């Protein structure tokens, strides 16, 4: 396994792969897995990249038409030192019953 950065966000542990980028001469985080397989906190709130496009339920912090990403939404809570944060909009939260149902489906598939 390659190098990773580990973050704990509201009780959820994320392991983000990192890779050496020659041009910048530093390690960069690879968020492709997170984008392909969204993650939620233990309370069911989605964890997003601050630069992801805002959803239809977004309420922007200002009236600036250029505010188009999660980081500009009043429901988004940035995790310090990362590009990650939690969407606290109740409309985007996974219901506990849905999570249990999804877990059962995963067990059946495996």
N, C-alpha and C. Protein backbone atom coordinates (compact mmCIF):
# COMPACT_ATOMS: atom_id res chain seq x y z
N UNK A 1 0.84 -1.18 0.00
CA UNK A 1 0.00 0.00 0.00
C UNK A 1 0.88 1.23 0.00
N UNK A 2 0.47 2.26 -0.75
CA UNK A 2 1.22 3.51 -0.84
C UNK A 2 1.02 4.37 0.39
N UNK A 3 1.53 5.56 0.30
CA UNK A 3 1.42 6.51 1.42
C UNK A 3 0.00 7.07 1.48
N UNK A 4 -0.42 7.37 2.70
CA UNK A 4 -1.76 7.93 2.93
C UNK A 4 -1.68 9.05 3.95
N UNK A 5 -2.72 9.87 3.95
CA UNK A 5 -2.96 10.82 5.04
C UNK A 5 -4.25 10.37 5.69
N UNK A 6 -4.24 10.31 6.99
CA UNK A 6 -5.41 9.86 7.73
C UNK A 6 -6.07 11.06 8.42
N UNK A 7 -7.36 11.20 8.21
CA UNK A 7 -8.14 12.25 8.85
C UNK A 7 -9.27 11.61 9.64
N UNK A 8 -9.58 12.18 10.77
CA UNK A 8 -10.77 11.79 11.52
C UNK A 8 -11.70 12.99 11.49
N UNK A 9 -12.84 12.78 10.83
CA UNK A 9 -13.82 13.85 10.66
C UNK A 9 -15.12 13.41 11.30
N UNK A 10 -15.47 14.05 12.38
CA UNK A 10 -16.69 13.74 13.13
C UNK A 10 -16.81 12.24 13.40
N UNK A 11 -15.73 11.64 13.81
CA UNK A 11 -15.72 10.23 14.18
C UNK A 11 -15.51 9.26 13.03
N UNK A 12 -15.47 9.75 11.81
CA UNK A 12 -15.24 8.90 10.64
C UNK A 12 -13.78 9.01 10.23
N UNK A 13 -13.13 7.88 10.10
CA UNK A 13 -11.72 7.87 9.70
C UNK A 13 -11.63 7.74 8.19
N UNK A 14 -10.91 8.66 7.58
CA UNK A 14 -10.68 8.63 6.14
C UNK A 14 -9.19 8.45 5.89
N UNK A 15 -8.86 7.55 4.99
CA UNK A 15 -7.48 7.36 4.57
C UNK A 15 -7.39 7.79 3.11
N UNK A 16 -6.74 8.92 2.89
CA UNK A 16 -6.63 9.51 1.56
C UNK A 16 -5.25 9.18 0.99
N UNK A 17 -5.20 8.48 -0.14
CA UNK A 17 -3.90 8.19 -0.74
C UNK A 17 -3.20 9.48 -1.17
N UNK A 18 -1.89 9.49 -1.07
CA UNK A 18 -1.10 10.63 -1.53
C UNK A 18 -0.06 10.14 -2.52
N UNK A 19 0.35 11.03 -3.41
CA UNK A 19 1.36 10.68 -4.41
C UNK A 19 2.30 11.86 -4.59
N UNK A 20 3.51 11.55 -5.01
CA UNK A 20 4.51 12.58 -5.25
C UNK A 20 4.25 13.20 -6.61
N UNK A 21 4.16 14.51 -6.64
CA UNK A 21 3.92 15.23 -7.89
C UNK A 21 5.20 15.99 -8.22
N UNK A 22 5.83 15.59 -9.32
CA UNK A 22 7.14 16.14 -9.70
C UNK A 22 7.13 17.65 -9.91
N UNK A 23 6.14 18.11 -10.61
CA UNK A 23 6.12 19.53 -10.97
C UNK A 23 6.08 20.44 -9.74
N UNK A 24 5.25 20.08 -8.77
CA UNK A 24 5.15 20.92 -7.57
C UNK A 24 6.16 20.52 -6.49
N UNK A 25 6.78 19.35 -6.69
CA UNK A 25 7.77 18.85 -5.74
C UNK A 25 7.18 18.67 -4.34
N UNK A 26 5.98 18.08 -4.31
CA UNK A 26 5.36 17.79 -3.03
C UNK A 26 4.31 16.69 -3.18
N UNK A 27 3.88 16.17 -2.04
CA UNK A 27 2.84 15.15 -2.06
C UNK A 27 1.47 15.82 -2.20
N UNK A 28 0.65 15.20 -3.05
CA UNK A 28 -0.72 15.66 -3.24
C UNK A 28 -1.68 14.55 -2.87
N UNK A 29 -2.86 14.92 -2.45
CA UNK A 29 -3.88 13.95 -2.08
C UNK A 29 -4.68 13.53 -3.31
N UNK A 30 -5.01 12.24 -3.37
CA UNK A 30 -5.80 11.69 -4.46
C UNK A 30 -7.21 11.40 -3.92
N UNK A 31 -8.16 12.24 -4.32
CA UNK A 31 -9.52 12.13 -3.82
C UNK A 31 -10.44 11.29 -4.73
N UNK A 32 -9.89 10.64 -5.74
CA UNK A 32 -10.72 9.93 -6.72
C UNK A 32 -11.61 8.87 -6.06
N UNK A 33 -11.09 8.14 -5.10
CA UNK A 33 -11.89 7.12 -4.43
C UNK A 33 -13.04 7.75 -3.65
N UNK A 34 -12.78 8.87 -3.01
CA UNK A 34 -13.82 9.57 -2.25
C UNK A 34 -14.92 10.07 -3.18
N UNK A 35 -14.55 10.52 -4.37
CA UNK A 35 -15.54 11.00 -5.33
C UNK A 35 -16.37 9.85 -5.89
N UNK A 36 -15.73 8.70 -6.09
CA UNK A 36 -16.43 7.54 -6.64
C UNK A 36 -17.31 6.85 -5.60
N UNK A 37 -16.88 6.89 -4.34
CA UNK A 37 -17.58 6.20 -3.25
C UNK A 37 -17.77 7.19 -2.09
N UNK A 38 -18.83 7.99 -2.14
CA UNK A 38 -19.05 9.00 -1.10
C UNK A 38 -19.07 8.41 0.30
N UNK A 39 -18.60 9.20 1.24
CA UNK A 39 -18.48 8.78 2.64
C UNK A 39 -19.37 9.68 3.49
N UNK A 40 -19.89 9.10 4.58
CA UNK A 40 -20.73 9.85 5.51
C UNK A 40 -20.16 9.73 6.92
N UNK A 41 -20.47 10.71 7.74
CA UNK A 41 -20.07 10.65 9.14
C UNK A 41 -20.92 9.58 9.83
N UNK A 42 -20.57 9.26 11.06
CA UNK A 42 -21.34 8.27 11.82
C UNK A 42 -22.78 8.74 12.05
N UNK A 43 -22.99 10.05 11.99
CA UNK A 43 -24.34 10.59 12.15
C UNK A 43 -25.08 10.72 10.82
N UNK A 44 -24.45 10.26 9.73
CA UNK A 44 -25.12 10.24 8.44
C UNK A 44 -24.93 11.47 7.57
N UNK A 45 -24.09 12.41 7.98
CA UNK A 45 -23.85 13.60 7.16
C UNK A 45 -22.77 13.32 6.12
N UNK A 46 -22.96 13.78 4.88
CA UNK A 46 -21.97 13.51 3.83
C UNK A 46 -20.69 14.34 4.02
N UNK A 47 -19.57 13.72 3.66
CA UNK A 47 -18.27 14.38 3.67
C UNK A 47 -17.93 14.68 2.22
N UNK A 48 -17.67 15.96 1.93
CA UNK A 48 -17.40 16.40 0.57
C UNK A 48 -16.08 17.16 0.49
N UNK A 49 -15.61 17.32 -0.73
CA UNK A 49 -14.51 18.24 -1.01
C UNK A 49 -15.09 19.64 -1.09
N UNK A 50 -14.37 20.60 -0.59
CA UNK A 50 -14.86 21.98 -0.61
C UNK A 50 -15.10 22.49 -2.03
N UNK A 51 -14.41 21.91 -3.02
CA UNK A 51 -14.51 22.37 -4.41
C UNK A 51 -15.58 21.65 -5.22
N UNK A 52 -16.32 20.72 -4.59
CA UNK A 52 -17.37 20.03 -5.35
C UNK A 52 -18.49 21.02 -5.67
N UNK A 53 -19.16 20.76 -6.78
CA UNK A 53 -20.29 21.62 -7.16
C UNK A 53 -21.37 21.57 -6.09
N UNK A 54 -21.94 22.72 -5.82
CA UNK A 54 -23.02 22.81 -4.83
C UNK A 54 -24.23 22.03 -5.32
N UNK A 55 -24.95 21.45 -4.38
CA UNK A 55 -26.14 20.66 -4.72
C UNK A 55 -27.36 21.58 -4.84
N UNK A 56 -28.48 21.05 -5.31
CA UNK A 56 -29.69 21.86 -5.43
C UNK A 56 -30.22 22.37 -4.08
N UNK A 57 -29.83 21.72 -2.98
CA UNK A 57 -30.29 22.14 -1.65
C UNK A 57 -29.39 23.19 -1.01
N UNK A 58 -28.37 23.63 -1.71
CA UNK A 58 -27.40 24.58 -1.16
C UNK A 58 -28.04 25.94 -0.90
N UNK A 59 -27.56 26.57 0.16
CA UNK A 59 -27.91 27.96 0.47
C UNK A 59 -26.58 28.69 0.63
N UNK A 60 -26.28 29.54 -0.32
CA UNK A 60 -24.98 30.20 -0.33
C UNK A 60 -24.86 31.24 0.78
N UNK A 61 -23.65 31.42 1.27
CA UNK A 61 -23.39 32.37 2.36
C UNK A 61 -23.53 33.81 1.91
N UNK A 62 -23.43 34.01 0.61
CA UNK A 62 -23.56 35.37 0.07
C UNK A 62 -24.40 35.32 -1.20
N UNK A 63 -24.66 36.45 -1.79
CA UNK A 63 -25.45 36.49 -3.02
C UNK A 63 -24.57 36.55 -4.26
N UNK A 64 -23.30 36.22 -4.12
CA UNK A 64 -22.35 36.27 -5.22
C UNK A 64 -22.66 35.14 -6.21
N UNK A 65 -22.95 35.46 -7.48
CA UNK A 65 -23.26 34.42 -8.47
C UNK A 65 -22.10 33.47 -8.73
N UNK A 66 -20.88 33.87 -8.35
CA UNK A 66 -19.73 32.98 -8.56
C UNK A 66 -19.61 31.93 -7.45
N UNK A 67 -20.47 32.00 -6.44
CA UNK A 67 -20.47 31.00 -5.37
C UNK A 67 -21.19 29.76 -5.88
N UNK A 68 -20.41 28.77 -6.30
CA UNK A 68 -21.02 27.60 -6.94
C UNK A 68 -20.58 26.28 -6.33
N UNK A 69 -19.76 26.32 -5.27
CA UNK A 69 -19.25 25.07 -4.72
C UNK A 69 -19.70 24.86 -3.27
N UNK A 70 -19.44 23.67 -2.76
CA UNK A 70 -19.82 23.33 -1.38
C UNK A 70 -19.24 24.31 -0.37
N UNK A 71 -18.01 24.73 -0.60
CA UNK A 71 -17.34 25.62 0.34
C UNK A 71 -18.03 26.95 0.52
N UNK A 72 -18.91 27.32 -0.39
CA UNK A 72 -19.64 28.59 -0.31
C UNK A 72 -21.01 28.44 0.35
N UNK A 73 -21.37 27.22 0.69
CA UNK A 73 -22.70 26.94 1.25
C UNK A 73 -22.70 27.11 2.76
N UNK A 74 -23.78 27.63 3.29
CA UNK A 74 -23.87 27.87 4.73
C UNK A 74 -23.96 26.56 5.53
N UNK A 75 -24.30 25.45 4.89
CA UNK A 75 -24.38 24.17 5.59
C UNK A 75 -23.04 23.44 5.67
N UNK A 76 -22.08 23.87 4.88
CA UNK A 76 -20.79 23.18 4.79
C UNK A 76 -19.87 23.60 5.92
N UNK A 77 -19.29 22.62 6.61
CA UNK A 77 -18.35 22.88 7.71
C UNK A 77 -16.98 22.34 7.32
N UNK A 78 -16.09 23.26 6.99
CA UNK A 78 -14.73 22.91 6.57
C UNK A 78 -13.94 22.29 7.72
N UNK A 79 -13.20 21.23 7.42
CA UNK A 79 -12.28 20.63 8.39
C UNK A 79 -10.95 21.33 8.25
N UNK A 80 -10.45 21.95 9.32
CA UNK A 80 -9.20 22.72 9.22
C UNK A 80 -8.03 21.88 8.68
N UNK A 81 -7.24 22.49 7.80
CA UNK A 81 -6.05 21.85 7.25
C UNK A 81 -6.32 20.86 6.15
N UNK A 82 -7.56 20.80 5.63
CA UNK A 82 -7.90 19.86 4.57
C UNK A 82 -8.76 20.54 3.51
N UNK A 83 -9.02 19.83 2.45
CA UNK A 83 -10.00 20.27 1.45
C UNK A 83 -11.34 19.59 1.69
N UNK A 84 -11.48 18.94 2.85
CA UNK A 84 -12.67 18.17 3.17
C UNK A 84 -13.53 18.90 4.19
N UNK A 85 -14.81 18.57 4.17
CA UNK A 85 -15.73 19.13 5.14
C UNK A 85 -17.02 18.34 5.17
N UNK A 86 -17.90 18.72 6.07
CA UNK A 86 -19.15 18.00 6.28
C UNK A 86 -20.32 18.89 5.89
N UNK A 87 -21.25 18.33 5.15
CA UNK A 87 -22.49 19.03 4.82
C UNK A 87 -23.49 18.75 5.94
N UNK A 88 -23.91 19.79 6.64
CA UNK A 88 -24.82 19.63 7.77
C UNK A 88 -26.28 19.89 7.39
N UNK A 89 -26.57 19.89 6.10
CA UNK A 89 -27.95 20.07 5.64
C UNK A 89 -28.73 18.78 5.92
N UNK A 90 -29.80 18.89 6.69
CA UNK A 90 -30.60 17.72 7.04
C UNK A 90 -31.16 17.00 5.81
N UNK A 91 -31.38 17.75 4.72
CA UNK A 91 -31.90 17.14 3.50
C UNK A 91 -30.90 16.18 2.87
N UNK A 92 -29.62 16.36 3.15
CA UNK A 92 -28.56 15.53 2.56
C UNK A 92 -28.13 14.39 3.49
N UNK A 93 -28.67 14.37 4.68
CA UNK A 93 -28.28 13.39 5.68
C UNK A 93 -28.90 12.03 5.39
N UNK A 94 -28.09 10.99 5.57
CA UNK A 94 -28.60 9.62 5.45
C UNK A 94 -29.43 9.29 6.67
N UNK A 95 -30.57 8.73 6.46
CA UNK A 95 -31.41 8.26 7.56
C UNK A 95 -30.82 6.96 8.12
N UNK A 96 -30.92 6.77 9.42
CA UNK A 96 -30.35 5.57 10.07
C UNK A 96 -30.94 4.30 9.47
N UNK A 97 -32.24 4.28 9.16
CA UNK A 97 -32.87 3.09 8.58
C UNK A 97 -32.31 2.80 7.19
N UNK A 98 -32.05 3.85 6.41
CA UNK A 98 -31.48 3.67 5.08
C UNK A 98 -30.08 3.09 5.20
N UNK A 99 -29.28 3.61 6.16
CA UNK A 99 -27.92 3.10 6.35
C UNK A 99 -27.95 1.61 6.69
N UNK A 100 -28.87 1.21 7.57
CA UNK A 100 -28.97 -0.21 7.93
C UNK A 100 -29.36 -1.03 6.71
N UNK A 101 -30.28 -0.51 5.91
CA UNK A 101 -30.71 -1.21 4.71
C UNK A 101 -29.54 -1.36 3.74
N UNK A 102 -28.77 -0.29 3.54
CA UNK A 102 -27.61 -0.35 2.66
C UNK A 102 -26.57 -1.34 3.17
N UNK A 103 -26.35 -1.37 4.49
CA UNK A 103 -25.40 -2.31 5.08
C UNK A 103 -25.84 -3.74 4.82
N UNK A 104 -27.13 -4.01 4.94
CA UNK A 104 -27.62 -5.36 4.69
C UNK A 104 -27.41 -5.74 3.23
N UNK A 105 -27.66 -4.80 2.30
CA UNK A 105 -27.45 -5.07 0.88
C UNK A 105 -25.99 -5.41 0.61
N UNK A 106 -25.08 -4.65 1.23
CA UNK A 106 -23.67 -4.91 1.03
C UNK A 106 -23.30 -6.32 1.54
N UNK A 107 -23.88 -6.72 2.67
CA UNK A 107 -23.59 -8.04 3.20
C UNK A 107 -24.09 -9.13 2.26
N UNK A 108 -25.25 -8.93 1.65
CA UNK A 108 -25.81 -9.92 0.73
C UNK A 108 -24.95 -10.03 -0.53
N UNK A 109 -24.51 -8.89 -1.05
CA UNK A 109 -23.70 -8.87 -2.27
C UNK A 109 -22.36 -9.56 -2.05
N UNK A 110 -21.76 -9.31 -0.89
CA UNK A 110 -20.46 -9.91 -0.59
C UNK A 110 -20.65 -11.33 -0.24
